[in-house]
Every structure is written in structure tokens, then in C-alpha cells.
Amino acid sequence: MCRNIKTLFNFEPPATELEIRDASLQFVRKLSGFNLPSQANAAAFDQAVEEVAAAARRLIGSLVTQAPPRNRAVEAQRARERSAARFGPRD
């Protein structure tokens, strides 16, 4: 599950609200062990996702770097190449 959490800092264009929420959702899923919580746990689960997303937004907004922003397309291509080297090309 956590393999799906992507680095969100120092990219051009910057991380979107949806990307931050998706990473937060994956994090809460991993911690809770629920892919989809029961109705009894839904409110606590949703609140946790929102709190983690808020913390992630604050973190990303407060980080500084001297490195130039990374290009999303280039990083995605590198990830595909690493995957192909590890698992073989996709058909």
C-alpha cells in the first residue's frame, strides 16, 4: 500500500490538493489496516485523512530547498524504466 505514496515536494508543477489527499488516504489505510472502513469507523477514518492531509500541506509548504524543481514527466519515465528493469517490460 505505501508504495503508492509518492514524493510531493519540489516538483513543477507543485503537488495538487488531490495528490496530497490521495497520499494521506494511503497513509491512513496503511495505519488502520482498512482499505474501506466500516460505517462505525468511517467518521474517524475520514477525520484522520483530513488531519494527515492538513499536516502534509503544512509540511510541503514549509520545506525549502536550493535544488531546482523536478519535472514530473521525467520522474515518471525514470520510475517506468526502474520498473521494467526490475520486473521486465509490460506487454
N, C-alpha and C. Protein backbone atom coordinates (compact mmCIF):
# COMPACT_ATOMS: atom_id res chain seq x y z
N MET A 1 0.80 -1.20 0.00
CA MET A 1 0.00 0.00 0.00
C MET A 1 0.85 1.26 0.00
N CYS A 2 1.83 1.37 0.87
CA CYS A 2 2.60 2.60 0.98
C CYS A 2 3.49 2.85 -0.22
N ARG A 3 3.70 1.85 -1.05
CA ARG A 3 4.46 2.10 -2.26
C ARG A 3 3.77 3.11 -3.14
N ASN A 4 2.46 3.28 -2.97
CA ASN A 4 1.71 4.21 -3.79
C ASN A 4 1.84 5.65 -3.32
N ILE A 5 2.45 5.88 -2.17
CA ILE A 5 2.64 7.24 -1.70
C ILE A 5 3.85 7.81 -2.42
N LYS A 6 3.62 8.87 -3.16
CA LYS A 6 4.66 9.49 -3.97
C LYS A 6 5.24 10.70 -3.27
N THR A 7 6.49 11.02 -3.59
CA THR A 7 7.10 12.25 -3.12
C THR A 7 6.35 13.41 -3.73
N LEU A 8 5.99 14.39 -2.91
CA LEU A 8 5.19 15.51 -3.38
C LEU A 8 5.94 16.84 -3.35
N PHE A 9 7.09 16.88 -2.70
CA PHE A 9 7.82 18.13 -2.55
C PHE A 9 8.78 18.38 -3.71
N ASN A 10 8.89 19.64 -4.10
CA ASN A 10 9.87 20.13 -5.07
C ASN A 10 9.62 19.59 -6.47
N PHE A 11 8.38 19.66 -6.91
CA PHE A 11 8.02 19.30 -8.28
C PHE A 11 7.43 20.50 -8.98
N GLU A 12 7.58 20.52 -10.27
CA GLU A 12 6.96 21.53 -11.10
C GLU A 12 6.07 20.82 -12.09
N PRO A 13 4.79 21.03 -12.11
CA PRO A 13 4.03 21.91 -11.23
C PRO A 13 3.92 21.31 -9.83
N PRO A 14 3.62 22.16 -8.83
CA PRO A 14 3.52 21.69 -7.45
C PRO A 14 2.42 20.64 -7.26
N ALA A 15 2.52 19.92 -6.17
CA ALA A 15 1.52 18.89 -5.84
C ALA A 15 0.13 19.52 -5.77
N THR A 16 -0.83 18.80 -6.28
CA THR A 16 -2.22 19.27 -6.23
C THR A 16 -2.87 18.84 -4.93
N GLU A 17 -4.00 19.44 -4.64
CA GLU A 17 -4.76 19.05 -3.45
C GLU A 17 -5.16 17.58 -3.53
N LEU A 18 -5.51 17.11 -4.71
CA LEU A 18 -5.90 15.71 -4.89
C LEU A 18 -4.73 14.77 -4.61
N GLU A 19 -3.53 15.12 -5.06
CA GLU A 19 -2.36 14.29 -4.79
C GLU A 19 -2.06 14.21 -3.30
N ILE A 20 -2.19 15.33 -2.61
CA ILE A 20 -1.95 15.35 -1.17
C ILE A 20 -3.00 14.50 -0.46
N ARG A 21 -4.26 14.62 -0.87
CA ARG A 21 -5.32 13.82 -0.24
C ARG A 21 -5.13 12.33 -0.52
N ASP A 22 -4.76 11.99 -1.75
CA ASP A 22 -4.54 10.58 -2.09
C ASP A 22 -3.41 9.97 -1.26
N ALA A 23 -2.32 10.72 -1.08
CA ALA A 23 -1.21 10.22 -0.26
C ALA A 23 -1.66 10.06 1.20
N SER A 24 -2.47 10.99 1.67
CA SER A 24 -2.98 10.93 3.04
C SER A 24 -3.90 9.73 3.22
N LEU A 25 -4.74 9.48 2.23
CA LEU A 25 -5.63 8.33 2.27
C LEU A 25 -4.84 7.03 2.33
N GLN A 26 -3.80 6.91 1.51
CA GLN A 26 -2.98 5.70 1.52
C GLN A 26 -2.31 5.51 2.87
N PHE A 27 -1.83 6.61 3.46
CA PHE A 27 -1.17 6.55 4.76
C PHE A 27 -2.15 6.07 5.84
N VAL A 28 -3.35 6.63 5.86
CA VAL A 28 -4.35 6.23 6.86
C VAL A 28 -4.79 4.79 6.63
N ARG A 29 -4.93 4.38 5.38
CA ARG A 29 -5.27 2.98 5.09
C ARG A 29 -4.22 2.04 5.65
N LYS A 30 -2.96 2.40 5.47
CA LYS A 30 -1.87 1.55 5.95
C LYS A 30 -1.89 1.47 7.48
N LEU A 31 -2.04 2.62 8.13
CA LEU A 31 -2.05 2.64 9.59
C LEU A 31 -3.22 1.88 10.18
N SER A 32 -4.40 2.06 9.57
CA SER A 32 -5.62 1.46 10.13
C SER A 32 -5.79 0.01 9.74
N GLY A 33 -5.22 -0.38 8.61
CA GLY A 33 -5.43 -1.73 8.11
C GLY A 33 -6.73 -1.88 7.35
N PHE A 34 -7.43 -0.76 7.15
CA PHE A 34 -8.70 -0.76 6.41
C PHE A 34 -8.50 -0.16 5.03
N ASN A 35 -8.93 -0.88 4.02
CA ASN A 35 -8.99 -0.29 2.69
C ASN A 35 -10.25 0.57 2.59
N LEU A 36 -11.31 0.07 3.16
CA LEU A 36 -12.58 0.80 3.25
C LEU A 36 -13.13 0.52 4.65
N PRO A 37 -13.23 1.55 5.50
CA PRO A 37 -13.67 1.32 6.88
C PRO A 37 -15.16 1.00 6.96
N SER A 38 -15.55 0.37 8.05
CA SER A 38 -16.97 0.10 8.30
C SER A 38 -17.67 1.42 8.59
N GLN A 39 -18.99 1.39 8.58
CA GLN A 39 -19.76 2.61 8.89
C GLN A 39 -19.43 3.12 10.28
N ALA A 40 -19.16 2.22 11.20
CA ALA A 40 -18.85 2.61 12.57
C ALA A 40 -17.52 3.35 12.66
N ASN A 41 -16.60 3.06 11.74
CA ASN A 41 -15.29 3.69 11.75
C ASN A 41 -15.11 4.77 10.70
N ALA A 42 -16.10 4.99 9.85
CA ALA A 42 -15.96 5.90 8.73
C ALA A 42 -15.64 7.33 9.17
N ALA A 43 -16.30 7.83 10.18
CA ALA A 43 -16.07 9.22 10.62
C ALA A 43 -14.64 9.40 11.13
N ALA A 44 -14.18 8.47 11.95
CA ALA A 44 -12.81 8.55 12.48
C ALA A 44 -11.80 8.44 11.34
N PHE A 45 -12.05 7.56 10.40
CA PHE A 45 -11.17 7.35 9.25
C PHE A 45 -11.09 8.63 8.41
N ASP A 46 -12.24 9.20 8.08
CA ASP A 46 -12.28 10.42 7.27
C ASP A 46 -11.61 11.59 7.98
N GLN A 47 -11.82 11.70 9.28
CA GLN A 47 -11.19 12.76 10.05
C GLN A 47 -9.66 12.59 10.03
N ALA A 48 -9.20 11.37 10.16
CA ALA A 48 -7.76 11.11 10.12
C ALA A 48 -7.18 11.48 8.77
N VAL A 49 -7.88 11.16 7.69
CA VAL A 49 -7.40 11.52 6.35
C VAL A 49 -7.27 13.04 6.24
N GLU A 50 -8.27 13.77 6.70
CA GLU A 50 -8.23 15.23 6.62
C GLU A 50 -7.11 15.81 7.47
N GLU A 51 -6.88 15.26 8.66
CA GLU A 51 -5.82 15.75 9.53
C GLU A 51 -4.44 15.46 8.95
N VAL A 52 -4.25 14.29 8.37
CA VAL A 52 -2.97 13.96 7.74
C VAL A 52 -2.76 14.85 6.52
N ALA A 53 -3.80 15.09 5.74
CA ALA A 53 -3.68 15.96 4.57
C ALA A 53 -3.29 17.38 5.00
N ALA A 54 -3.89 17.87 6.07
CA ALA A 54 -3.56 19.21 6.57
C ALA A 54 -2.10 19.27 7.01
N ALA A 55 -1.65 18.24 7.71
CA ALA A 55 -0.25 18.20 8.14
C ALA A 55 0.68 18.12 6.93
N ALA A 56 0.30 17.36 5.92
CA ALA A 56 1.12 17.24 4.71
C ALA A 56 1.21 18.58 3.99
N ARG A 57 0.09 19.29 3.88
CA ARG A 57 0.10 20.61 3.25
C ARG A 57 1.03 21.56 3.99
N ARG A 58 0.95 21.56 5.33
CA ARG A 58 1.83 22.43 6.13
C ARG A 58 3.29 22.06 5.92
N LEU A 59 3.58 20.77 5.92
CA LEU A 59 4.95 20.31 5.72
C LEU A 59 5.48 20.74 4.36
N ILE A 60 4.75 20.44 3.31
CA ILE A 60 5.19 20.77 1.95
C ILE A 60 5.36 22.28 1.80
N GLY A 61 4.46 23.04 2.41
CA GLY A 61 4.54 24.49 2.32
C GLY A 61 5.69 25.09 3.09
N SER A 62 6.19 24.41 4.10
CA SER A 62 7.25 24.97 4.93
C SER A 62 8.64 24.49 4.55
N LEU A 63 8.74 23.46 3.73
CA LEU A 63 10.05 22.95 3.32
C LEU A 63 10.73 23.91 2.35
N VAL A 64 12.04 23.97 2.42
CA VAL A 64 12.82 24.80 1.50
C VAL A 64 13.93 23.94 0.91
N THR A 65 14.36 24.31 -0.28
CA THR A 65 15.46 23.60 -0.94
C THR A 65 16.15 24.54 -1.91
N GLN A 66 17.41 24.28 -2.17
CA GLN A 66 18.16 25.02 -3.17
C GLN A 66 18.12 24.29 -4.52
N ALA A 67 17.65 23.05 -4.49
CA ALA A 67 17.61 22.23 -5.71
C ALA A 67 16.51 22.76 -6.65
N PRO A 68 16.75 22.68 -7.94
CA PRO A 68 15.70 23.07 -8.88
C PRO A 68 14.54 22.08 -8.81
N PRO A 69 13.32 22.53 -9.10
CA PRO A 69 12.17 21.62 -9.08
C PRO A 69 12.35 20.49 -10.08
N ARG A 70 11.87 19.32 -9.70
CA ARG A 70 11.93 18.15 -10.59
C ARG A 70 10.74 18.17 -11.54
N ASN A 71 10.97 17.59 -12.68
CA ASN A 71 9.93 17.51 -13.70
C ASN A 71 9.15 16.20 -13.51
N ARG A 72 7.84 16.30 -13.40
CA ARG A 72 7.01 15.11 -13.16
C ARG A 72 7.12 14.08 -14.28
N ALA A 73 7.13 14.54 -15.52
CA ALA A 73 7.19 13.61 -16.65
C ALA A 73 8.52 12.85 -16.66
N VAL A 74 9.60 13.53 -16.38
CA VAL A 74 10.91 12.89 -16.35
C VAL A 74 10.97 11.87 -15.22
N GLU A 75 10.48 12.24 -14.05
CA GLU A 75 10.49 11.32 -12.91
C GLU A 75 9.61 10.10 -13.17
N ALA A 76 8.47 10.29 -13.82
CA ALA A 76 7.58 9.17 -14.15
C ALA A 76 8.26 8.22 -15.12
N GLN A 77 8.97 8.76 -16.11
CA GLN A 77 9.69 7.92 -17.06
C GLN A 77 10.78 7.12 -16.37
N ARG A 78 11.51 7.75 -15.46
CA ARG A 78 12.55 7.03 -14.71
C ARG A 78 11.94 5.90 -13.88
N ALA A 79 10.79 6.15 -13.29
CA ALA A 79 10.12 5.11 -12.49
C ALA A 79 9.71 3.94 -13.39
N ARG A 80 9.19 4.23 -14.59
CA ARG A 80 8.83 3.16 -15.52
C ARG A 80 10.06 2.34 -15.92
N GLU A 81 11.17 3.03 -16.14
CA GLU A 81 12.41 2.33 -16.51
C GLU A 81 12.91 1.44 -15.37
N ARG A 82 12.84 1.95 -14.13
CA ARG A 82 13.23 1.12 -12.98
C ARG A 82 12.33 -0.10 -12.86
N SER A 83 11.05 0.11 -13.08
CA SER A 83 10.10 -1.00 -13.00
C SER A 83 10.37 -2.04 -14.07
N ALA A 84 10.64 -1.59 -15.28
CA ALA A 84 10.93 -2.52 -16.38
C ALA A 84 12.21 -3.30 -16.10
N ALA A 85 13.20 -2.63 -15.54
CA ALA A 85 14.45 -3.33 -15.21
C ALA A 85 14.23 -4.36 -14.12
N ARG A 86 13.36 -4.04 -13.20
CA ARG A 86 13.12 -4.95 -12.07
C ARG A 86 12.18 -6.09 -12.42
N PHE A 87 11.09 -5.78 -13.13
CA PHE A 87 10.05 -6.77 -13.39
C PHE A 87 9.94 -7.20 -14.84
N GLY A 88 10.67 -6.57 -15.74
CA GLY A 88 10.56 -6.87 -17.15
C GLY A 88 9.57 -5.92 -17.80
N PRO A 89 9.67 -5.76 -19.12
CA PRO A 89 8.77 -4.83 -19.81
C PRO A 89 7.32 -5.30 -19.76
N ARG A 90 6.41 -4.34 -19.75
CA ARG A 90 4.98 -4.67 -19.77
C ARG A 90 4.55 -4.88 -21.20
N ASP A 91 3.68 -5.83 -21.40
CA ASP A 91 3.18 -6.11 -22.76
C ASP A 91 2.03 -5.23 -23.11
